[in-house]
Amino acid sequence: MASESSTTPQPGLDAVDRTLLSELSRNGRISNTELARIAGIAESTCLKRVRALQAGGVIVGFHAEIAPAAIGLHLEALITIRLHAHARGDLRRFQSYLEDLPATQRVYFLAGDRDFLVHVAVSDAAALRELVSDTLSLRPEVASTSTSLIFAQAAGSRGL
């Protein structure tokens, strides 16, 4: 079921903004000249709009996406974590801990019966076992974990 925000235009974003965001989400290295051409606006207008989208918190960053396998991280997994009730008072500290783990790719704070979903990339099954059994599961805050291996992933439209 699609969320309302994915089908309803956000206030303050017009068709040109959506074109800019769509193109930038596909290619963050696109030149301002090419981006302006695609959006049908002047280069100076394009630059001002992109800067306004950044200043407004719509564009939160530009980065290189690295293929984990290309750097020796051949196994990716999703780990759900449920914390003990007494540990839920300091969720931000635990989230920071997860973000700082070398294997962490992304951390999601969840609603429902689990507290966190962590996307990790490691070299092999032994490294994943060590991460889950000898690192995460030994934390006093952690009530349980569940691990799912990622066989493949595909990018979606990002709701643009």
N, C-alpha and C. Protein backbone atom coordinates (compact mmCIF):
# COMPACT_ATOMS: atom_id res chain seq x y z
N MET A 1 0.84 -1.17 0.00
CA MET A 1 0.00 0.00 0.00
C MET A 1 0.88 1.23 0.00
N ALA A 2 0.70 2.12 -0.95
CA ALA A 2 1.52 3.33 -1.06
C ALA A 2 1.10 4.31 0.02
N SER A 3 2.10 5.00 0.56
CA SER A 3 1.77 6.01 1.55
C SER A 3 1.25 7.25 0.85
N GLU A 4 0.52 8.06 1.59
CA GLU A 4 -0.06 9.27 1.00
C GLU A 4 1.04 10.20 0.50
N SER A 5 2.18 10.25 1.21
CA SER A 5 3.24 11.16 0.81
C SER A 5 3.86 10.77 -0.53
N SER A 6 3.76 9.49 -0.92
CA SER A 6 4.34 9.09 -2.20
C SER A 6 3.43 9.44 -3.37
N THR A 7 2.17 9.74 -3.10
CA THR A 7 1.26 10.04 -4.18
C THR A 7 0.80 11.50 -4.18
N THR A 8 0.98 12.18 -3.07
CA THR A 8 0.56 13.57 -2.94
C THR A 8 1.78 14.47 -3.01
N PRO A 9 1.78 15.46 -3.90
CA PRO A 9 2.93 16.37 -3.97
C PRO A 9 3.17 17.07 -2.64
N GLN A 10 4.41 17.22 -2.27
CA GLN A 10 4.78 17.91 -1.05
C GLN A 10 4.57 19.41 -1.23
N PRO A 11 4.08 20.10 -0.19
CA PRO A 11 3.88 21.55 -0.30
C PRO A 11 5.19 22.25 -0.63
N GLY A 12 5.12 23.20 -1.52
CA GLY A 12 6.31 23.97 -1.87
C GLY A 12 7.17 23.37 -2.96
N LEU A 13 6.91 22.15 -3.37
CA LEU A 13 7.66 21.53 -4.46
C LEU A 13 6.81 21.55 -5.71
N ASP A 14 7.34 22.17 -6.75
CA ASP A 14 6.60 22.20 -8.02
C ASP A 14 7.18 21.16 -8.98
N ALA A 15 6.67 21.15 -10.19
CA ALA A 15 7.08 20.16 -11.18
C ALA A 15 8.57 20.27 -11.50
N VAL A 16 9.10 21.48 -11.53
CA VAL A 16 10.53 21.67 -11.82
C VAL A 16 11.37 21.07 -10.69
N ASP A 17 10.98 21.35 -9.44
CA ASP A 17 11.70 20.78 -8.30
C ASP A 17 11.70 19.26 -8.37
N ARG A 18 10.54 18.69 -8.71
CA ARG A 18 10.44 17.23 -8.80
C ARG A 18 11.33 16.68 -9.92
N THR A 19 11.43 17.40 -11.02
CA THR A 19 12.32 16.98 -12.10
C THR A 19 13.77 17.02 -11.63
N LEU A 20 14.14 18.09 -10.96
CA LEU A 20 15.51 18.21 -10.44
C LEU A 20 15.82 17.06 -9.47
N LEU A 21 14.89 16.81 -8.55
CA LEU A 21 15.10 15.74 -7.57
C LEU A 21 15.18 14.37 -8.23
N SER A 22 14.33 14.14 -9.20
CA SER A 22 14.33 12.86 -9.90
C SER A 22 15.66 12.63 -10.61
N GLU A 23 16.13 13.63 -11.33
CA GLU A 23 17.40 13.50 -12.05
C GLU A 23 18.57 13.35 -11.10
N LEU A 24 18.60 14.15 -10.03
CA LEU A 24 19.69 14.07 -9.07
C LEU A 24 19.70 12.74 -8.33
N SER A 25 18.53 12.15 -8.08
CA SER A 25 18.50 10.85 -7.40
C SER A 25 19.04 9.75 -8.30
N ARG A 26 18.92 9.92 -9.61
CA ARG A 26 19.48 8.95 -10.57
C ARG A 26 20.97 9.17 -10.79
N ASN A 27 21.38 10.43 -10.79
CA ASN A 27 22.77 10.76 -11.09
C ASN A 27 23.17 12.01 -10.33
N GLY A 28 23.73 11.83 -9.15
CA GLY A 28 24.15 12.95 -8.32
C GLY A 28 25.30 13.74 -8.90
N ARG A 29 25.95 13.19 -9.93
CA ARG A 29 27.09 13.87 -10.55
C ARG A 29 26.72 14.59 -11.86
N ILE A 30 25.43 14.67 -12.14
CA ILE A 30 25.00 15.34 -13.36
C ILE A 30 25.45 16.80 -13.31
N SER A 31 25.87 17.34 -14.43
CA SER A 31 26.31 18.74 -14.45
C SER A 31 25.10 19.67 -14.32
N ASN A 32 25.34 20.84 -13.80
CA ASN A 32 24.29 21.84 -13.68
C ASN A 32 23.73 22.19 -15.06
N THR A 33 24.60 22.23 -16.05
CA THR A 33 24.17 22.54 -17.42
C THR A 33 23.18 21.50 -17.92
N GLU A 34 23.51 20.22 -17.75
CA GLU A 34 22.63 19.15 -18.21
C GLU A 34 21.34 19.12 -17.39
N LEU A 35 21.45 19.32 -16.09
CA LEU A 35 20.27 19.33 -15.22
C LEU A 35 19.32 20.46 -15.63
N ALA A 36 19.87 21.64 -15.89
CA ALA A 36 19.05 22.77 -16.32
C ALA A 36 18.36 22.48 -17.65
N ARG A 37 19.10 21.85 -18.58
CA ARG A 37 18.53 21.51 -19.88
C ARG A 37 17.35 20.56 -19.72
N ILE A 38 17.52 19.51 -18.91
CA ILE A 38 16.45 18.53 -18.70
C ILE A 38 15.23 19.19 -18.06
N ALA A 39 15.47 20.08 -17.09
CA ALA A 39 14.37 20.74 -16.38
C ALA A 39 13.75 21.88 -17.18
N GLY A 40 14.43 22.32 -18.25
CA GLY A 40 13.92 23.40 -19.09
C GLY A 40 14.02 24.77 -18.44
N ILE A 41 15.07 24.96 -17.64
CA ILE A 41 15.28 26.24 -16.97
C ILE A 41 16.70 26.74 -17.20
N ALA A 42 16.94 28.00 -16.90
CA ALA A 42 18.27 28.58 -17.05
C ALA A 42 19.23 27.96 -16.03
N GLU A 43 20.51 27.90 -16.37
CA GLU A 43 21.51 27.32 -15.48
C GLU A 43 21.54 28.03 -14.13
N SER A 44 21.46 29.35 -14.14
CA SER A 44 21.50 30.09 -12.88
C SER A 44 20.28 29.77 -12.02
N THR A 45 19.12 29.62 -12.64
CA THR A 45 17.90 29.24 -11.93
C THR A 45 18.03 27.84 -11.36
N CYS A 46 18.60 26.95 -12.14
CA CYS A 46 18.80 25.57 -11.72
C CYS A 46 19.68 25.52 -10.47
N LEU A 47 20.80 26.23 -10.51
CA LEU A 47 21.71 26.25 -9.38
C LEU A 47 21.03 26.80 -8.13
N LYS A 48 20.27 27.88 -8.29
CA LYS A 48 19.55 28.47 -7.15
C LYS A 48 18.53 27.49 -6.58
N ARG A 49 17.82 26.79 -7.46
CA ARG A 49 16.81 25.84 -6.98
C ARG A 49 17.45 24.67 -6.25
N VAL A 50 18.54 24.13 -6.79
CA VAL A 50 19.21 23.01 -6.12
C VAL A 50 19.73 23.46 -4.76
N ARG A 51 20.31 24.65 -4.70
CA ARG A 51 20.80 25.16 -3.41
C ARG A 51 19.65 25.38 -2.43
N ALA A 52 18.49 25.84 -2.92
CA ALA A 52 17.33 26.03 -2.05
C ALA A 52 16.81 24.68 -1.54
N LEU A 53 16.84 23.66 -2.40
CA LEU A 53 16.41 22.33 -1.98
C LEU A 53 17.36 21.76 -0.91
N GLN A 54 18.65 22.07 -1.03
CA GLN A 54 19.60 21.65 -0.01
C GLN A 54 19.35 22.42 1.29
N ALA A 55 19.21 23.73 1.20
CA ALA A 55 19.01 24.57 2.39
C ALA A 55 17.70 24.21 3.09
N GLY A 56 16.70 23.79 2.34
CA GLY A 56 15.41 23.43 2.91
C GLY A 56 15.35 22.01 3.45
N GLY A 57 16.45 21.27 3.34
CA GLY A 57 16.49 19.92 3.88
C GLY A 57 15.86 18.87 3.00
N VAL A 58 15.51 19.24 1.76
CA VAL A 58 14.94 18.25 0.83
C VAL A 58 16.06 17.36 0.29
N ILE A 59 17.14 17.98 -0.15
CA ILE A 59 18.34 17.25 -0.55
C ILE A 59 19.24 17.21 0.68
N VAL A 60 19.51 16.01 1.18
CA VAL A 60 20.28 15.90 2.42
C VAL A 60 21.73 15.52 2.19
N GLY A 61 22.12 15.28 0.95
CA GLY A 61 23.53 14.98 0.69
C GLY A 61 23.74 14.37 -0.67
N PHE A 62 24.98 14.36 -1.06
CA PHE A 62 25.44 13.71 -2.28
C PHE A 62 26.54 12.75 -1.86
N HIS A 63 26.55 11.55 -2.41
CA HIS A 63 27.56 10.58 -2.01
C HIS A 63 27.81 9.59 -3.13
N ALA A 64 28.93 8.91 -3.01
CA ALA A 64 29.24 7.82 -3.92
C ALA A 64 28.68 6.54 -3.32
N GLU A 65 27.98 5.76 -4.09
CA GLU A 65 27.46 4.48 -3.62
C GLU A 65 28.47 3.40 -4.01
N ILE A 66 29.03 2.75 -3.02
CA ILE A 66 30.08 1.76 -3.22
C ILE A 66 29.47 0.36 -3.20
N ALA A 67 29.85 -0.48 -4.15
CA ALA A 67 29.41 -1.88 -4.17
C ALA A 67 30.20 -2.62 -3.10
N PRO A 68 29.54 -3.09 -2.04
CA PRO A 68 30.27 -3.77 -0.96
C PRO A 68 31.17 -4.91 -1.45
N ALA A 69 30.69 -5.71 -2.39
CA ALA A 69 31.49 -6.84 -2.88
C ALA A 69 32.79 -6.38 -3.53
N ALA A 70 32.78 -5.20 -4.12
CA ALA A 70 33.98 -4.68 -4.77
C ALA A 70 35.09 -4.37 -3.78
N ILE A 71 34.74 -4.22 -2.52
CA ILE A 71 35.76 -3.94 -1.49
C ILE A 71 35.87 -5.09 -0.49
N GLY A 72 35.48 -6.30 -0.94
CA GLY A 72 35.67 -7.50 -0.14
C GLY A 72 34.55 -7.83 0.83
N LEU A 73 33.45 -7.10 0.76
CA LEU A 73 32.31 -7.38 1.64
C LEU A 73 31.27 -8.14 0.83
N HIS A 74 31.44 -9.45 0.77
CA HIS A 74 30.66 -10.28 -0.14
C HIS A 74 29.32 -10.76 0.40
N LEU A 75 29.05 -10.50 1.68
CA LEU A 75 27.81 -10.97 2.28
C LEU A 75 27.09 -9.80 2.93
N GLU A 76 25.84 -9.59 2.50
CA GLU A 76 25.02 -8.53 3.09
C GLU A 76 23.83 -9.17 3.79
N ALA A 77 23.40 -8.52 4.86
CA ALA A 77 22.28 -9.06 5.63
C ALA A 77 21.48 -7.93 6.25
N LEU A 78 20.24 -8.26 6.60
CA LEU A 78 19.38 -7.36 7.38
C LEU A 78 19.20 -8.00 8.74
N ILE A 79 19.49 -7.25 9.78
CA ILE A 79 19.38 -7.76 11.14
C ILE A 79 18.33 -6.93 11.87
N THR A 80 17.28 -7.59 12.35
CA THR A 80 16.32 -6.87 13.18
C THR A 80 16.73 -7.10 14.64
N ILE A 81 16.54 -6.05 15.43
CA ILE A 81 16.95 -6.09 16.83
C ILE A 81 15.78 -5.62 17.69
N ARG A 82 15.49 -6.40 18.70
CA ARG A 82 14.51 -6.00 19.71
C ARG A 82 15.27 -5.77 21.00
N LEU A 83 15.04 -4.63 21.62
CA LEU A 83 15.70 -4.29 22.87
C LEU A 83 14.83 -4.71 24.05
N HIS A 84 15.47 -4.92 25.19
CA HIS A 84 14.73 -5.14 26.42
C HIS A 84 13.97 -3.86 26.75
N ALA A 85 12.84 -3.98 27.40
CA ALA A 85 12.01 -2.82 27.74
C ALA A 85 12.80 -1.77 28.52
N HIS A 86 13.63 -2.22 29.46
CA HIS A 86 14.38 -1.26 30.28
C HIS A 86 15.43 -0.49 29.48
N ALA A 87 15.79 -0.97 28.31
CA ALA A 87 16.83 -0.32 27.49
C ALA A 87 16.25 0.70 26.53
N ARG A 88 14.93 0.77 26.41
CA ARG A 88 14.31 1.65 25.43
C ARG A 88 14.40 3.12 25.82
N GLY A 89 14.84 3.41 27.04
CA GLY A 89 14.97 4.79 27.48
C GLY A 89 16.11 5.54 26.82
N ASP A 90 17.05 4.80 26.24
CA ASP A 90 18.21 5.45 25.61
C ASP A 90 18.41 4.91 24.19
N LEU A 91 17.37 5.04 23.38
CA LEU A 91 17.42 4.53 22.01
C LEU A 91 18.46 5.23 21.16
N ARG A 92 18.64 6.53 21.38
CA ARG A 92 19.62 7.28 20.57
C ARG A 92 21.03 6.77 20.79
N ARG A 93 21.37 6.43 22.02
CA ARG A 93 22.71 5.93 22.31
C ARG A 93 22.92 4.59 21.61
N PHE A 94 21.91 3.72 21.65
CA PHE A 94 22.04 2.42 20.99
C PHE A 94 22.09 2.59 19.48
N GLN A 95 21.31 3.50 18.95
CA GLN A 95 21.35 3.77 17.51
C GLN A 95 22.75 4.25 17.11
N SER A 96 23.34 5.13 17.89
CA SER A 96 24.71 5.61 17.60
C SER A 96 25.70 4.46 17.63
N TYR A 97 25.53 3.56 18.59
CA TYR A 97 26.38 2.37 18.65
C TYR A 97 26.29 1.58 17.35
N LEU A 98 25.06 1.34 16.88
CA LEU A 98 24.86 0.59 15.64
C LEU A 98 25.49 1.31 14.45
N GLU A 99 25.30 2.62 14.37
CA GLU A 99 25.85 3.40 13.26
C GLU A 99 27.37 3.33 13.22
N ASP A 100 28.00 3.19 14.38
CA ASP A 100 29.46 3.17 14.46
C ASP A 100 30.09 1.81 14.18
N LEU A 101 29.29 0.76 14.09
CA LEU A 101 29.85 -0.56 13.78
C LEU A 101 30.41 -0.54 12.35
N PRO A 102 31.61 -1.06 12.15
CA PRO A 102 32.23 -1.02 10.80
C PRO A 102 31.39 -1.70 9.72
N ALA A 103 30.60 -2.70 10.06
CA ALA A 103 29.81 -3.44 9.06
C ALA A 103 28.54 -2.71 8.66
N THR A 104 28.14 -1.70 9.43
CA THR A 104 26.85 -1.06 9.21
C THR A 104 26.81 -0.25 7.92
N GLN A 105 25.78 -0.52 7.12
CA GLN A 105 25.50 0.25 5.91
C GLN A 105 24.40 1.28 6.19
N ARG A 106 23.33 0.84 6.85
CA ARG A 106 22.18 1.70 7.19
C ARG A 106 21.57 1.20 8.49
N VAL A 107 20.96 2.13 9.22
CA VAL A 107 20.23 1.80 10.44
C VAL A 107 18.84 2.42 10.33
N TYR A 108 17.82 1.63 10.63
CA TYR A 108 16.44 2.10 10.63
C TYR A 108 15.84 1.88 12.00
N PHE A 109 15.21 2.90 12.56
CA PHE A 109 14.47 2.80 13.81
C PHE A 109 13.03 2.47 13.42
N LEU A 110 12.47 1.42 14.01
CA LEU A 110 11.20 0.88 13.55
C LEU A 110 10.07 1.04 14.56
N ALA A 111 8.85 1.01 14.04
CA ALA A 111 7.67 0.82 14.86
C ALA A 111 7.33 -0.66 14.78
N GLY A 112 6.63 -1.17 15.76
CA GLY A 112 6.25 -2.57 15.71
C GLY A 112 6.98 -3.38 16.77
N ASP A 113 7.10 -4.68 16.52
CA ASP A 113 7.66 -5.56 17.54
C ASP A 113 9.20 -5.61 17.54
N ARG A 114 9.84 -4.92 16.63
CA ARG A 114 11.29 -4.80 16.60
C ARG A 114 11.66 -3.33 16.70
N ASP A 115 12.84 -3.04 17.24
CA ASP A 115 13.24 -1.65 17.45
C ASP A 115 14.13 -1.12 16.32
N PHE A 116 15.01 -1.97 15.79
CA PHE A 116 15.94 -1.52 14.76
C PHE A 116 16.06 -2.56 13.65
N LEU A 117 16.30 -2.07 12.46
CA LEU A 117 16.69 -2.89 11.31
C LEU A 117 18.03 -2.36 10.86
N VAL A 118 19.02 -3.23 10.80
CA VAL A 118 20.37 -2.82 10.43
C VAL A 118 20.78 -3.56 9.16
N HIS A 119 21.18 -2.81 8.14
CA HIS A 119 21.73 -3.38 6.92
C HIS A 119 23.23 -3.43 7.12
N VAL A 120 23.80 -4.63 7.03
CA VAL A 120 25.24 -4.80 7.24
C VAL A 120 25.88 -5.46 6.02
N ALA A 121 27.16 -5.23 5.86
CA ALA A 121 27.96 -5.89 4.81
C ALA A 121 29.24 -6.38 5.46
N VAL A 122 29.52 -7.66 5.27
CA VAL A 122 30.68 -8.30 5.88
C VAL A 122 31.39 -9.17 4.84
N SER A 123 32.55 -9.66 5.21
CA SER A 123 33.35 -10.43 4.25
C SER A 123 32.78 -11.82 3.98
N ASP A 124 32.25 -12.47 5.01
CA ASP A 124 31.80 -13.85 4.84
C ASP A 124 30.88 -14.26 5.99
N ALA A 125 30.43 -15.51 5.96
CA ALA A 125 29.49 -16.02 6.98
C ALA A 125 30.10 -15.98 8.38
N ALA A 126 31.38 -16.26 8.49
CA ALA A 126 32.03 -16.23 9.81
C ALA A 126 32.00 -14.82 10.40
N ALA A 127 32.22 -13.83 9.57
CA ALA A 127 32.17 -12.44 10.04
C ALA A 127 30.76 -12.05 10.45
N LEU A 128 29.75 -12.54 9.73
CA LEU A 128 28.36 -12.26 10.09
C LEU A 128 28.01 -12.94 11.41
N ARG A 129 28.42 -14.20 11.57
CA ARG A 129 28.18 -14.91 12.82
C ARG A 129 28.82 -14.17 13.99
N GLU A 130 30.04 -13.72 13.81
CA GLU A 130 30.74 -12.98 14.87
C GLU A 130 30.00 -11.68 15.21
N LEU A 131 29.56 -10.98 14.17
CA LEU A 131 28.84 -9.73 14.41
C LEU A 131 27.56 -9.96 15.21
N VAL A 132 26.78 -10.96 14.81
CA VAL A 132 25.51 -11.21 15.47
C VAL A 132 25.71 -11.88 16.83
N SER A 133 26.48 -12.95 16.87
CA SER A 133 26.61 -13.74 18.10
C SER A 133 27.55 -13.14 19.13
N ASP A 134 28.68 -12.60 18.67
CA ASP A 134 29.70 -12.14 19.60
C ASP A 134 29.71 -10.64 19.82
N THR A 135 28.94 -9.91 19.03
CA THR A 135 28.91 -8.46 19.20
C THR A 135 27.52 -8.00 19.61
N LEU A 136 26.55 -8.14 18.73
CA LEU A 136 25.20 -7.63 19.01
C LEU A 136 24.50 -8.39 20.13
N SER A 137 24.49 -9.70 20.06
CA SER A 137 23.73 -10.50 21.03
C SER A 137 24.29 -10.41 22.45
N LEU A 138 25.53 -10.02 22.59
CA LEU A 138 26.13 -9.90 23.92
C LEU A 138 25.86 -8.56 24.59
N ARG A 139 25.28 -7.63 23.85
CA ARG A 139 24.94 -6.33 24.43
C ARG A 139 23.82 -6.51 25.45
N PRO A 140 23.93 -5.89 26.62
CA PRO A 140 22.88 -6.07 27.64
C PRO A 140 21.53 -5.50 27.22
N GLU A 141 21.51 -4.55 26.29
CA GLU A 141 20.25 -3.95 25.84
C GLU A 141 19.45 -4.88 24.93
N VAL A 142 20.13 -5.81 24.28
CA VAL A 142 19.52 -6.61 23.22
C VAL A 142 18.75 -7.80 23.78
N ALA A 143 17.46 -7.84 23.47
CA ALA A 143 16.61 -8.97 23.87
C ALA A 143 16.68 -10.08 22.82
N SER A 144 16.68 -9.70 21.52
CA SER A 144 16.74 -10.71 20.47
C SER A 144 17.17 -10.07 19.16
N THR A 145 17.65 -10.93 18.27
CA THR A 145 18.00 -10.52 16.91
C THR A 145 17.42 -11.55 15.94
N SER A 146 17.26 -11.12 14.71
CA SER A 146 16.86 -12.01 13.63
C SER A 146 17.60 -11.55 12.38
N THR A 147 18.21 -12.49 11.68
CA THR A 147 19.06 -12.14 10.55
C THR A 147 18.51 -12.75 9.26
N SER A 148 18.46 -11.92 8.22
CA SER A 148 18.07 -12.37 6.88
C SER A 148 19.17 -12.01 5.90
N LEU A 149 19.60 -12.97 5.10
CA LEU A 149 20.62 -12.70 4.09
C LEU A 149 20.00 -11.98 2.90
N ILE A 150 20.77 -11.11 2.29
CA ILE A 150 20.33 -10.41 1.08
C ILE A 150 20.96 -11.12 -0.11
N PHE A 151 20.14 -11.64 -0.98
CA PHE A 151 20.65 -12.28 -2.20
C PHE A 151 20.90 -11.26 -3.29
N ALA A 152 20.03 -10.27 -3.42
CA ALA A 152 20.17 -9.22 -4.43
C ALA A 152 19.34 -8.03 -3.98
N GLN A 153 19.68 -6.86 -4.49
CA GLN A 153 18.88 -5.68 -4.21
C GLN A 153 18.74 -4.86 -5.49
N ALA A 154 17.64 -4.16 -5.57
CA ALA A 154 17.36 -3.32 -6.73
C ALA A 154 16.89 -1.96 -6.22
N ALA A 155 17.23 -0.92 -6.92
CA ALA A 155 16.80 0.42 -6.54
C ALA A 155 15.39 0.66 -7.07
N GLY A 156 14.58 1.32 -6.26
CA GLY A 156 13.24 1.70 -6.69
C GLY A 156 13.26 3.12 -7.22
N SER A 157 12.11 3.67 -7.43
CA SER A 157 12.01 5.02 -8.00
C SER A 157 12.26 6.10 -6.97
N ARG A 158 12.36 5.72 -5.70
CA ARG A 158 12.57 6.66 -4.60
C ARG A 158 11.39 7.62 -4.43
N GLY A 159 10.23 7.24 -4.95
CA GLY A 159 9.02 8.01 -4.76
C GLY A 159 8.99 9.35 -5.45
N LEU A 160 9.81 9.53 -6.46
CA LEU A 160 9.82 10.80 -7.18
C LEU A 160 9.02 10.64 -8.44
